[in-house]
Amino acid sequence: MQNQKLLAFVQGLSRLLQSNPAEDIILKEGGGLLATLVAQDDWLPELFTQPHPQFYQQYLLYADPLDRFSIVSFVWGPGQKTPVHDHMTWGLIGMLRGQEIDTHYFRQADQTFRRGDSHILKPGDIGSVSPATHDVHEVANFYQDRVSISIHVYGGNIGRIQRHVFNPGTGESKDFVSGYSNNVVPNLWS
């Protein structure tokens, strides 16, 4: 069964989080677990790969019942991107299909944001976010003519966390809660 891979990831991350490790351990060891999950693009059900013509899609794959983490497939239509935003929790990005551009931003003394380096994530690559070091970024589909898909893992139920989008030039922020593109999450490993 293909979804045994997702179940194995959920079990591995659950075991890791049971010991309440420091965030750097979560990012390192959780990143290794995510790298195993995205090493092969043969397990994500078609239902969670569907793009929208105007907006990127954020499909919930799993939400831990204790809100320790959530797993989401991000589906990027051609040329789609996020606004500059934060997460308010740790996060991991595993590239599954296509490529995306991850650009970090850093708050300056005058409250504006300086654009950092951009990194292209290719299938199998892992990226991260952390409120302690690099929580603000923009993500974009590398391609203007095809879909890209990444798997994101967050230290909470990201669809319910109040976060912020930013105007980098002024530093102005606006609160938002992302929710999810799907209303129901089936048991993917039944």
N, C-alpha and C. Protein backbone atom coordinates (compact mmCIF):
# COMPACT_ATOMS: atom_id res chain seq x y z
N MET A 1 0.85 -1.19 0.00
CA MET A 1 0.00 0.00 0.00
C MET A 1 0.89 1.25 0.00
N GLN A 2 0.66 2.17 -0.94
CA GLN A 2 1.49 3.36 -1.09
C GLN A 2 1.47 4.26 0.13
N ASN A 3 0.33 4.36 0.81
CA ASN A 3 0.23 5.30 1.92
C ASN A 3 0.87 4.78 3.20
N GLN A 4 1.45 3.61 3.15
CA GLN A 4 2.27 3.14 4.26
C GLN A 4 3.46 4.09 4.46
N LYS A 5 3.90 4.74 3.38
CA LYS A 5 5.02 5.69 3.49
C LYS A 5 4.62 6.89 4.35
N LEU A 6 3.43 7.41 4.11
CA LEU A 6 2.95 8.54 4.92
C LEU A 6 2.73 8.09 6.36
N LEU A 7 2.16 6.92 6.56
CA LEU A 7 1.95 6.40 7.92
C LEU A 7 3.28 6.23 8.63
N ALA A 8 4.28 5.70 7.96
CA ALA A 8 5.60 5.53 8.58
C ALA A 8 6.19 6.88 8.97
N PHE A 9 5.98 7.91 8.14
CA PHE A 9 6.46 9.24 8.48
C PHE A 9 5.75 9.78 9.72
N VAL A 10 4.44 9.64 9.76
CA VAL A 10 3.65 10.11 10.92
C VAL A 10 4.12 9.40 12.19
N GLN A 11 4.32 8.10 12.10
CA GLN A 11 4.78 7.35 13.27
C GLN A 11 6.18 7.78 13.70
N GLY A 12 7.08 7.95 12.75
CA GLY A 12 8.44 8.37 13.08
C GLY A 12 8.49 9.74 13.70
N LEU A 13 7.73 10.69 13.15
CA LEU A 13 7.71 12.04 13.71
C LEU A 13 7.05 12.06 15.08
N SER A 14 6.01 11.25 15.25
CA SER A 14 5.35 11.15 16.57
C SER A 14 6.33 10.64 17.63
N ARG A 15 7.10 9.62 17.27
CA ARG A 15 8.09 9.09 18.22
C ARG A 15 9.14 10.15 18.54
N LEU A 16 9.60 10.88 17.52
CA LEU A 16 10.59 11.93 17.75
C LEU A 16 10.05 13.00 18.70
N LEU A 17 8.82 13.43 18.49
CA LEU A 17 8.25 14.52 19.29
C LEU A 17 7.89 14.09 20.71
N GLN A 18 7.74 12.78 20.95
CA GLN A 18 7.41 12.29 22.30
C GLN A 18 8.45 12.70 23.32
N SER A 19 9.69 12.81 22.91
CA SER A 19 10.76 13.15 23.87
C SER A 19 10.92 14.66 24.06
N ASN A 20 10.03 15.45 23.41
CA ASN A 20 10.06 16.91 23.53
C ASN A 20 11.46 17.47 23.23
N PRO A 21 12.01 17.16 22.04
CA PRO A 21 13.37 17.59 21.71
C PRO A 21 13.43 19.09 21.41
N ALA A 22 14.63 19.63 21.44
CA ALA A 22 14.86 21.02 21.05
C ALA A 22 14.54 21.18 19.57
N GLU A 23 14.22 22.41 19.19
CA GLU A 23 13.81 22.66 17.81
C GLU A 23 14.89 22.26 16.79
N ASP A 24 16.15 22.49 17.11
CA ASP A 24 17.19 22.12 16.15
C ASP A 24 17.22 20.62 15.90
N ILE A 25 16.90 19.83 16.92
CA ILE A 25 16.82 18.36 16.76
C ILE A 25 15.61 18.01 15.88
N ILE A 26 14.49 18.68 16.12
CA ILE A 26 13.29 18.42 15.30
C ILE A 26 13.60 18.71 13.84
N LEU A 27 14.23 19.86 13.57
CA LEU A 27 14.52 20.22 12.19
C LEU A 27 15.50 19.25 11.53
N LYS A 28 16.49 18.82 12.28
CA LYS A 28 17.48 17.90 11.72
C LYS A 28 16.91 16.49 11.54
N GLU A 29 16.40 15.90 12.61
CA GLU A 29 15.91 14.52 12.54
C GLU A 29 14.58 14.44 11.79
N GLY A 30 13.69 15.42 12.02
CA GLY A 30 12.44 15.47 11.27
C GLY A 30 12.70 15.68 9.79
N GLY A 31 13.72 16.51 9.48
CA GLY A 31 14.10 16.71 8.09
C GLY A 31 14.57 15.41 7.44
N GLY A 32 15.28 14.59 8.21
CA GLY A 32 15.71 13.29 7.69
C GLY A 32 14.52 12.38 7.40
N LEU A 33 13.55 12.39 8.30
CA LEU A 33 12.34 11.59 8.09
C LEU A 33 11.58 12.08 6.85
N LEU A 34 11.48 13.41 6.71
CA LEU A 34 10.78 13.98 5.55
C LEU A 34 11.53 13.66 4.26
N ALA A 35 12.85 13.68 4.31
CA ALA A 35 13.64 13.35 3.12
C ALA A 35 13.32 11.92 2.65
N THR A 36 13.13 11.01 3.59
CA THR A 36 12.76 9.64 3.23
C THR A 36 11.39 9.62 2.57
N LEU A 37 10.45 10.40 3.12
CA LEU A 37 9.08 10.43 2.56
C LEU A 37 9.07 10.96 1.13
N VAL A 38 9.81 12.05 0.87
CA VAL A 38 9.75 12.66 -0.47
C VAL A 38 10.78 12.09 -1.45
N ALA A 39 11.50 11.07 -1.02
CA ALA A 39 12.52 10.47 -1.90
C ALA A 39 11.90 9.85 -3.14
N GLN A 40 10.65 9.40 -3.04
CA GLN A 40 9.96 8.81 -4.19
C GLN A 40 8.59 9.45 -4.30
N ASP A 41 8.22 9.80 -5.51
CA ASP A 41 6.93 10.44 -5.77
C ASP A 41 5.94 9.38 -6.24
N ASP A 42 5.55 8.50 -5.31
CA ASP A 42 4.63 7.42 -5.68
C ASP A 42 3.58 7.14 -4.61
N TRP A 43 3.38 8.06 -3.67
CA TRP A 43 2.50 7.76 -2.54
C TRP A 43 1.38 8.77 -2.34
N LEU A 44 1.47 9.97 -2.89
CA LEU A 44 0.48 11.02 -2.63
C LEU A 44 -0.75 10.79 -3.51
N PRO A 45 -1.93 10.59 -2.90
CA PRO A 45 -3.14 10.37 -3.71
C PRO A 45 -3.44 11.55 -4.62
N GLU A 46 -3.96 11.25 -5.79
CA GLU A 46 -4.26 12.26 -6.82
C GLU A 46 -5.14 13.38 -6.28
N LEU A 47 -6.03 13.06 -5.35
CA LEU A 47 -6.93 14.05 -4.75
C LEU A 47 -6.16 15.24 -4.15
N PHE A 48 -4.95 15.00 -3.67
CA PHE A 48 -4.16 16.02 -2.99
C PHE A 48 -3.07 16.62 -3.89
N THR A 49 -3.27 16.48 -5.21
CA THR A 49 -2.30 17.01 -6.18
C THR A 49 -2.96 17.98 -7.16
N GLN A 50 -4.20 18.35 -6.90
CA GLN A 50 -4.97 19.15 -7.86
C GLN A 50 -4.70 20.64 -7.71
N PRO A 51 -4.23 21.29 -8.78
CA PRO A 51 -4.00 22.73 -8.71
C PRO A 51 -5.31 23.50 -8.89
N HIS A 52 -5.27 24.77 -8.53
CA HIS A 52 -6.36 25.71 -8.78
C HIS A 52 -5.80 26.70 -9.80
N PRO A 53 -6.62 27.19 -10.73
CA PRO A 53 -6.07 28.08 -11.75
C PRO A 53 -5.55 29.42 -11.23
N GLN A 54 -6.01 29.86 -10.04
CA GLN A 54 -5.59 31.16 -9.53
C GLN A 54 -4.76 31.10 -8.26
N PHE A 55 -5.03 30.13 -7.39
CA PHE A 55 -4.44 30.12 -6.06
C PHE A 55 -3.72 28.80 -5.78
N TYR A 56 -2.59 28.87 -5.06
CA TYR A 56 -1.96 27.63 -4.63
C TYR A 56 -2.91 26.93 -3.67
N GLN A 57 -2.79 25.63 -3.60
CA GLN A 57 -3.67 24.82 -2.76
C GLN A 57 -2.89 24.24 -1.59
N GLN A 58 -3.51 24.23 -0.42
CA GLN A 58 -2.91 23.72 0.81
C GLN A 58 -3.83 22.61 1.32
N TYR A 59 -3.47 21.36 0.99
CA TYR A 59 -4.30 20.21 1.35
C TYR A 59 -3.78 19.57 2.63
N LEU A 60 -4.64 19.49 3.64
CA LEU A 60 -4.27 18.83 4.88
C LEU A 60 -4.21 17.32 4.65
N LEU A 61 -3.06 16.72 4.97
CA LEU A 61 -2.89 15.27 4.88
C LEU A 61 -3.03 14.62 6.24
N TYR A 62 -2.58 15.32 7.30
CA TYR A 62 -2.66 14.76 8.65
C TYR A 62 -2.52 15.89 9.66
N ALA A 63 -3.37 15.86 10.69
CA ALA A 63 -3.25 16.78 11.83
C ALA A 63 -3.18 15.93 13.09
N ASP A 64 -2.08 16.04 13.80
CA ASP A 64 -1.89 15.30 15.04
C ASP A 64 -3.01 15.68 16.01
N PRO A 65 -3.63 14.71 16.67
CA PRO A 65 -4.74 15.03 17.58
C PRO A 65 -4.31 15.87 18.79
N LEU A 66 -3.01 15.91 19.09
CA LEU A 66 -2.52 16.74 20.19
C LEU A 66 -1.94 18.06 19.68
N ASP A 67 -2.16 18.36 18.40
CA ASP A 67 -1.67 19.59 17.76
C ASP A 67 -0.15 19.74 17.82
N ARG A 68 0.58 18.62 17.87
CA ARG A 68 2.04 18.69 17.87
C ARG A 68 2.58 18.98 16.48
N PHE A 69 1.85 18.56 15.44
CA PHE A 69 2.29 18.79 14.07
C PHE A 69 1.14 18.57 13.09
N SER A 70 1.33 19.09 11.89
CA SER A 70 0.41 18.85 10.79
C SER A 70 1.23 18.65 9.52
N ILE A 71 0.64 17.93 8.57
CA ILE A 71 1.31 17.63 7.30
C ILE A 71 0.38 18.10 6.17
N VAL A 72 0.95 18.83 5.24
CA VAL A 72 0.17 19.46 4.19
C VAL A 72 0.86 19.25 2.84
N SER A 73 0.07 19.00 1.80
CA SER A 73 0.64 19.06 0.45
C SER A 73 0.31 20.44 -0.12
N PHE A 74 1.35 21.12 -0.59
CA PHE A 74 1.17 22.40 -1.26
C PHE A 74 1.25 22.15 -2.75
N VAL A 75 0.22 22.56 -3.46
CA VAL A 75 0.16 22.37 -4.90
C VAL A 75 0.22 23.75 -5.55
N TRP A 76 1.28 23.96 -6.30
CA TRP A 76 1.55 25.25 -6.94
C TRP A 76 1.22 25.16 -8.41
N GLY A 77 0.22 25.93 -8.85
CA GLY A 77 -0.05 26.05 -10.26
C GLY A 77 1.07 26.85 -10.93
N PRO A 78 1.11 26.88 -12.25
CA PRO A 78 2.15 27.63 -12.96
C PRO A 78 2.25 29.08 -12.48
N GLY A 79 3.46 29.48 -12.08
CA GLY A 79 3.72 30.86 -11.69
C GLY A 79 3.15 31.31 -10.36
N GLN A 80 2.50 30.43 -9.62
CA GLN A 80 1.88 30.85 -8.36
C GLN A 80 2.91 31.02 -7.26
N LYS A 81 2.61 31.94 -6.30
CA LYS A 81 3.50 32.15 -5.17
C LYS A 81 2.71 32.66 -3.98
N THR A 82 3.33 32.57 -2.82
CA THR A 82 2.74 33.09 -1.59
C THR A 82 3.10 34.56 -1.45
N PRO A 83 2.37 35.27 -0.58
CA PRO A 83 2.90 36.57 -0.15
C PRO A 83 4.05 36.31 0.83
N VAL A 84 4.77 37.34 1.22
CA VAL A 84 5.78 37.22 2.27
C VAL A 84 5.00 36.99 3.56
N HIS A 85 5.36 35.92 4.29
CA HIS A 85 4.56 35.52 5.45
C HIS A 85 5.42 34.83 6.50
N ASP A 86 4.84 34.67 7.70
CA ASP A 86 5.51 33.91 8.76
C ASP A 86 4.69 32.68 9.12
N HIS A 87 5.17 31.91 10.12
CA HIS A 87 4.53 30.65 10.50
C HIS A 87 4.22 30.56 11.98
N MET A 88 4.99 31.24 12.80
CA MET A 88 4.82 31.24 14.26
C MET A 88 5.12 29.88 14.89
N THR A 89 5.75 28.99 14.13
CA THR A 89 6.15 27.67 14.61
C THR A 89 7.21 27.13 13.64
N TRP A 90 7.90 26.06 14.06
CA TRP A 90 8.88 25.44 13.17
C TRP A 90 8.16 24.80 11.98
N GLY A 91 8.90 24.65 10.90
CA GLY A 91 8.34 24.00 9.72
C GLY A 91 9.41 23.37 8.87
N LEU A 92 9.03 22.34 8.14
CA LEU A 92 9.89 21.65 7.20
C LEU A 92 9.21 21.61 5.84
N ILE A 93 9.99 21.75 4.78
CA ILE A 93 9.48 21.71 3.42
C ILE A 93 10.24 20.60 2.70
N GLY A 94 9.50 19.65 2.16
CA GLY A 94 10.10 18.57 1.37
C GLY A 94 9.59 18.65 -0.06
N MET A 95 10.48 18.81 -1.00
CA MET A 95 10.06 18.95 -2.40
C MET A 95 9.77 17.58 -2.98
N LEU A 96 8.55 17.42 -3.49
CA LEU A 96 8.12 16.13 -4.03
C LEU A 96 8.15 16.10 -5.56
N ARG A 97 7.61 17.15 -6.18
CA ARG A 97 7.45 17.14 -7.64
C ARG A 97 7.67 18.55 -8.16
N GLY A 98 8.42 18.71 -9.23
CA GLY A 98 8.69 20.03 -9.77
C GLY A 98 9.79 20.72 -8.97
N GLN A 99 9.72 22.05 -8.91
CA GLN A 99 10.69 22.83 -8.15
C GLN A 99 10.00 24.07 -7.60
N GLU A 100 10.51 24.57 -6.47
CA GLU A 100 10.01 25.84 -5.96
C GLU A 100 11.17 26.70 -5.50
N ILE A 101 10.89 27.99 -5.41
CA ILE A 101 11.88 28.97 -4.98
C ILE A 101 11.49 29.42 -3.57
N ASP A 102 12.40 29.25 -2.63
CA ASP A 102 12.20 29.62 -1.22
C ASP A 102 13.09 30.84 -0.94
N THR A 103 12.47 31.98 -0.67
CA THR A 103 13.21 33.22 -0.42
C THR A 103 12.92 33.71 0.98
N HIS A 104 13.94 33.79 1.82
CA HIS A 104 13.77 34.25 3.19
C HIS A 104 13.90 35.77 3.27
N TYR A 105 13.19 36.33 4.25
CA TYR A 105 13.23 37.77 4.52
C TYR A 105 13.60 37.97 5.98
N PHE A 106 14.31 39.07 6.27
CA PHE A 106 14.79 39.34 7.62
C PHE A 106 14.41 40.75 8.04
N ARG A 107 13.76 40.85 9.22
CA ARG A 107 13.31 42.15 9.72
C ARG A 107 14.51 43.02 10.09
N GLN A 108 14.42 44.28 9.70
CA GLN A 108 15.47 45.26 9.96
C GLN A 108 15.09 46.15 11.14
N ALA A 109 16.00 46.96 11.62
CA ALA A 109 15.76 47.84 12.76
C ALA A 109 14.60 48.80 12.50
N ASP A 110 14.40 49.21 11.24
CA ASP A 110 13.30 50.14 10.92
C ASP A 110 11.99 49.41 10.65
N GLN A 111 11.93 48.10 10.95
CA GLN A 111 10.76 47.23 10.82
C GLN A 111 10.46 46.79 9.38
N THR A 112 11.21 47.27 8.39
CA THR A 112 11.06 46.74 7.04
C THR A 112 11.77 45.39 6.97
N PHE A 113 11.70 44.74 5.83
CA PHE A 113 12.34 43.44 5.67
C PHE A 113 13.38 43.48 4.57
N ARG A 114 14.52 42.88 4.84
CA ARG A 114 15.56 42.70 3.84
C ARG A 114 15.38 41.33 3.21
N ARG A 115 15.39 41.33 1.88
CA ARG A 115 15.28 40.06 1.17
C ARG A 115 16.60 39.31 1.29
N GLY A 116 16.52 38.04 1.68
CA GLY A 116 17.70 37.20 1.76
C GLY A 116 17.90 36.43 0.48
N ASP A 117 18.73 35.41 0.56
CA ASP A 117 19.00 34.58 -0.60
C ASP A 117 17.78 33.74 -0.97
N SER A 118 17.67 33.42 -2.23
CA SER A 118 16.65 32.49 -2.72
C SER A 118 17.31 31.14 -2.94
N HIS A 119 16.59 30.09 -2.60
CA HIS A 119 17.07 28.73 -2.78
C HIS A 119 16.07 27.97 -3.63
N ILE A 120 16.55 27.27 -4.62
CA ILE A 120 15.67 26.44 -5.44
C ILE A 120 15.64 25.05 -4.83
N LEU A 121 14.44 24.61 -4.49
CA LEU A 121 14.25 23.26 -3.95
C LEU A 121 13.85 22.35 -5.09
N LYS A 122 14.60 21.26 -5.25
CA LYS A 122 14.34 20.25 -6.27
C LYS A 122 13.82 19.00 -5.59
N PRO A 123 13.23 18.07 -6.34
CA PRO A 123 12.70 16.86 -5.71
C PRO A 123 13.71 16.20 -4.78
N GLY A 124 13.25 15.93 -3.56
CA GLY A 124 14.09 15.31 -2.54
C GLY A 124 14.75 16.32 -1.61
N ASP A 125 14.81 17.60 -2.00
CA ASP A 125 15.42 18.63 -1.15
C ASP A 125 14.52 18.97 0.04
N ILE A 126 15.16 19.39 1.14
CA ILE A 126 14.45 19.77 2.36
C ILE A 126 14.83 21.20 2.73
N GLY A 127 13.83 22.00 3.08
CA GLY A 127 14.03 23.35 3.59
C GLY A 127 13.37 23.44 4.96
N SER A 128 13.56 24.59 5.63
CA SER A 128 12.95 24.74 6.95
C SER A 128 12.63 26.20 7.23
N VAL A 129 11.77 26.40 8.24
CA VAL A 129 11.50 27.71 8.81
C VAL A 129 11.53 27.56 10.32
N SER A 130 11.86 28.66 11.00
CA SER A 130 11.95 28.64 12.46
C SER A 130 11.77 30.04 13.00
N PRO A 131 10.86 30.24 13.95
CA PRO A 131 10.73 31.56 14.56
C PRO A 131 12.01 32.06 15.21
N ALA A 132 12.88 31.14 15.60
CA ALA A 132 14.13 31.51 16.27
C ALA A 132 15.17 32.07 15.29
N THR A 133 15.10 31.67 14.03
CA THR A 133 16.18 32.05 13.11
C THR A 133 15.73 32.55 11.74
N HIS A 134 14.68 31.97 11.16
CA HIS A 134 14.30 32.32 9.79
C HIS A 134 12.84 31.94 9.51
N ASP A 135 11.91 32.72 10.07
CA ASP A 135 10.50 32.37 9.98
C ASP A 135 9.76 33.05 8.84
N VAL A 136 10.30 34.10 8.25
CA VAL A 136 9.58 34.86 7.24
C VAL A 136 10.14 34.52 5.87
N HIS A 137 9.25 34.13 4.96
CA HIS A 137 9.71 33.81 3.61
C HIS A 137 8.58 33.97 2.60
N GLU A 138 8.97 33.81 1.34
CA GLU A 138 8.04 33.77 0.21
C GLU A 138 8.38 32.50 -0.55
N VAL A 139 7.37 31.78 -0.99
CA VAL A 139 7.58 30.55 -1.75
C VAL A 139 6.88 30.70 -3.10
N ALA A 140 7.56 30.27 -4.16
CA ALA A 140 7.00 30.39 -5.50
C ALA A 140 7.29 29.13 -6.31
N ASN A 141 6.36 28.81 -7.19
CA ASN A 141 6.60 27.74 -8.15
C ASN A 141 7.70 28.20 -9.09
N PHE A 142 8.71 27.40 -9.28
CA PHE A 142 9.81 27.71 -10.18
C PHE A 142 9.33 27.79 -11.63
N TYR A 143 8.30 27.01 -11.93
CA TYR A 143 7.85 26.87 -13.30
C TYR A 143 6.67 27.79 -13.63
N GLN A 144 6.68 28.31 -14.84
CA GLN A 144 5.58 29.13 -15.35
C GLN A 144 4.61 28.30 -16.20
N ASP A 145 4.94 27.02 -16.40
CA ASP A 145 4.14 26.22 -17.32
C ASP A 145 3.72 24.86 -16.77
N ARG A 146 3.99 24.61 -15.48
CA ARG A 146 3.58 23.32 -14.92
C ARG A 146 3.46 23.39 -13.41
N VAL A 147 2.87 22.35 -12.86
CA VAL A 147 2.59 22.25 -11.43
C VAL A 147 3.82 21.77 -10.68
N SER A 148 4.00 22.26 -9.46
CA SER A 148 4.99 21.74 -8.52
C SER A 148 4.26 21.40 -7.22
N ILE A 149 4.77 20.39 -6.51
CA ILE A 149 4.14 19.95 -5.26
C ILE A 149 5.21 19.75 -4.20
N SER A 150 4.96 20.31 -3.02
CA SER A 150 5.86 20.11 -1.89
C SER A 150 5.04 19.66 -0.69
N ILE A 151 5.71 18.96 0.21
CA ILE A 151 5.09 18.48 1.45
C ILE A 151 5.64 19.32 2.59
N HIS A 152 4.74 19.97 3.34
CA HIS A 152 5.13 20.84 4.44
C HIS A 152 4.69 20.21 5.75
N VAL A 153 5.54 20.31 6.75
CA VAL A 153 5.25 19.78 8.08
C VAL A 153 5.47 20.93 9.06
N TYR A 154 4.51 21.15 9.95
CA TYR A 154 4.59 22.28 10.89
C TYR A 154 4.41 21.81 12.32
N GLY A 155 4.95 22.56 13.24
CA GLY A 155 4.86 22.25 14.67
C GLY A 155 3.57 22.73 15.29
N GLY A 156 2.47 22.35 14.74
CA GLY A 156 1.12 22.71 15.19
C GLY A 156 0.18 22.51 14.03
N ASN A 157 -1.09 22.80 14.24
CA ASN A 157 -2.07 22.69 13.16
C ASN A 157 -2.04 24.01 12.39
N ILE A 158 -1.24 24.06 11.34
CA ILE A 158 -0.95 25.31 10.63
C ILE A 158 -2.21 25.97 10.09
N GLY A 159 -3.21 25.22 9.78
CA GLY A 159 -4.46 25.79 9.27
C GLY A 159 -5.25 26.55 10.30
N ARG A 160 -4.88 26.43 11.58
CA ARG A 160 -5.59 27.14 12.66
C ARG A 160 -4.72 28.18 13.37
N ILE A 161 -3.45 28.29 13.00
CA ILE A 161 -2.54 29.22 13.68
C ILE A 161 -2.67 30.62 13.08
N GLN A 162 -2.86 31.62 13.95
CA GLN A 162 -2.90 33.00 13.46
C GLN A 162 -1.48 33.43 13.10
N ARG A 163 -1.32 33.85 11.84
CA ARG A 163 -0.02 34.22 11.32
C ARG A 163 -0.11 35.60 10.69
N HIS A 164 0.94 35.98 9.92
CA HIS A 164 1.00 37.32 9.36
C HIS A 164 1.53 37.29 7.93
N VAL A 165 0.99 38.15 7.09
CA VAL A 165 1.59 38.47 5.80
C VAL A 165 2.18 39.86 5.94
N PHE A 166 3.25 40.11 5.19
CA PHE A 166 3.99 41.36 5.34
C PHE A 166 4.18 42.08 4.02
N ASN A 167 4.21 43.41 4.12
CA ASN A 167 4.69 44.25 3.03
C ASN A 167 6.15 44.49 3.35
N PRO A 168 7.08 43.86 2.62
CA PRO A 168 8.50 43.97 2.98
C PRO A 168 9.02 45.40 2.99
N GLY A 169 8.51 46.24 2.08
CA GLY A 169 9.01 47.60 1.97
C GLY A 169 8.61 48.52 3.12
N THR A 170 7.43 48.28 3.71
CA THR A 170 6.96 49.12 4.81
C THR A 170 7.00 48.42 6.16
N GLY A 171 7.04 47.08 6.13
CA GLY A 171 6.99 46.31 7.37
C GLY A 171 5.58 46.10 7.88
N GLU A 172 4.58 46.68 7.21
CA GLU A 172 3.19 46.51 7.64
C GLU A 172 2.82 45.04 7.60
N SER A 173 2.01 44.62 8.58
CA SER A 173 1.56 43.23 8.63
C SER A 173 0.05 43.15 8.68
N LYS A 174 -0.45 42.01 8.26
CA LYS A 174 -1.88 41.73 8.31
C LYS A 174 -2.04 40.31 8.85
N ASP A 175 -2.91 40.13 9.82
CA ASP A 175 -3.16 38.81 10.39
C ASP A 175 -3.94 37.94 9.41
N PHE A 176 -3.66 36.63 9.45
CA PHE A 176 -4.46 35.69 8.68
C PHE A 176 -4.38 34.31 9.32
N VAL A 177 -5.36 33.49 9.02
CA VAL A 177 -5.38 32.06 9.36
C VAL A 177 -5.63 31.35 8.04
N SER A 178 -4.72 30.47 7.65
CA SER A 178 -4.75 29.92 6.29
C SER A 178 -5.88 28.94 6.03
N GLY A 179 -6.27 28.14 7.02
CA GLY A 179 -7.22 27.08 6.74
C GLY A 179 -6.62 26.08 5.77
N TYR A 180 -7.50 25.31 5.13
CA TYR A 180 -7.06 24.28 4.18
C TYR A 180 -7.94 24.30 2.95
N SER A 181 -7.44 23.80 1.85
CA SER A 181 -8.20 23.73 0.62
C SER A 181 -9.22 22.60 0.65
N ASN A 182 -8.94 21.57 1.43
CA ASN A 182 -9.90 20.46 1.57
C ASN A 182 -10.62 20.58 2.90
N ASN A 183 -11.91 20.17 2.91
CA ASN A 183 -12.70 20.24 4.14
C ASN A 183 -12.67 18.96 4.95
N VAL A 184 -12.38 17.86 4.28
CA VAL A 184 -12.39 16.56 4.93
C VAL A 184 -11.07 15.85 4.62
N VAL A 185 -10.49 15.23 5.63
CA VAL A 185 -9.27 14.45 5.43
C VAL A 185 -9.61 12.98 5.64
N PRO A 186 -9.54 12.20 4.57
CA PRO A 186 -9.80 10.76 4.75
C PRO A 186 -8.63 10.10 5.48
N ASN A 187 -8.88 8.93 6.00
CA ASN A 187 -7.80 8.13 6.59
C ASN A 187 -6.97 7.59 5.43
N LEU A 188 -5.83 8.22 5.22
CA LEU A 188 -5.03 7.90 4.03
C LEU A 188 -4.37 6.54 4.07
N TRP A 189 -4.39 5.87 5.19
CA TRP A 189 -3.73 4.57 5.24
C TRP A 189 -4.67 3.44 5.61
N SER A 190 -5.95 3.65 5.44
CA SER A 190 -6.91 2.56 5.72
C SER A 190 -7.07 1.68 4.49
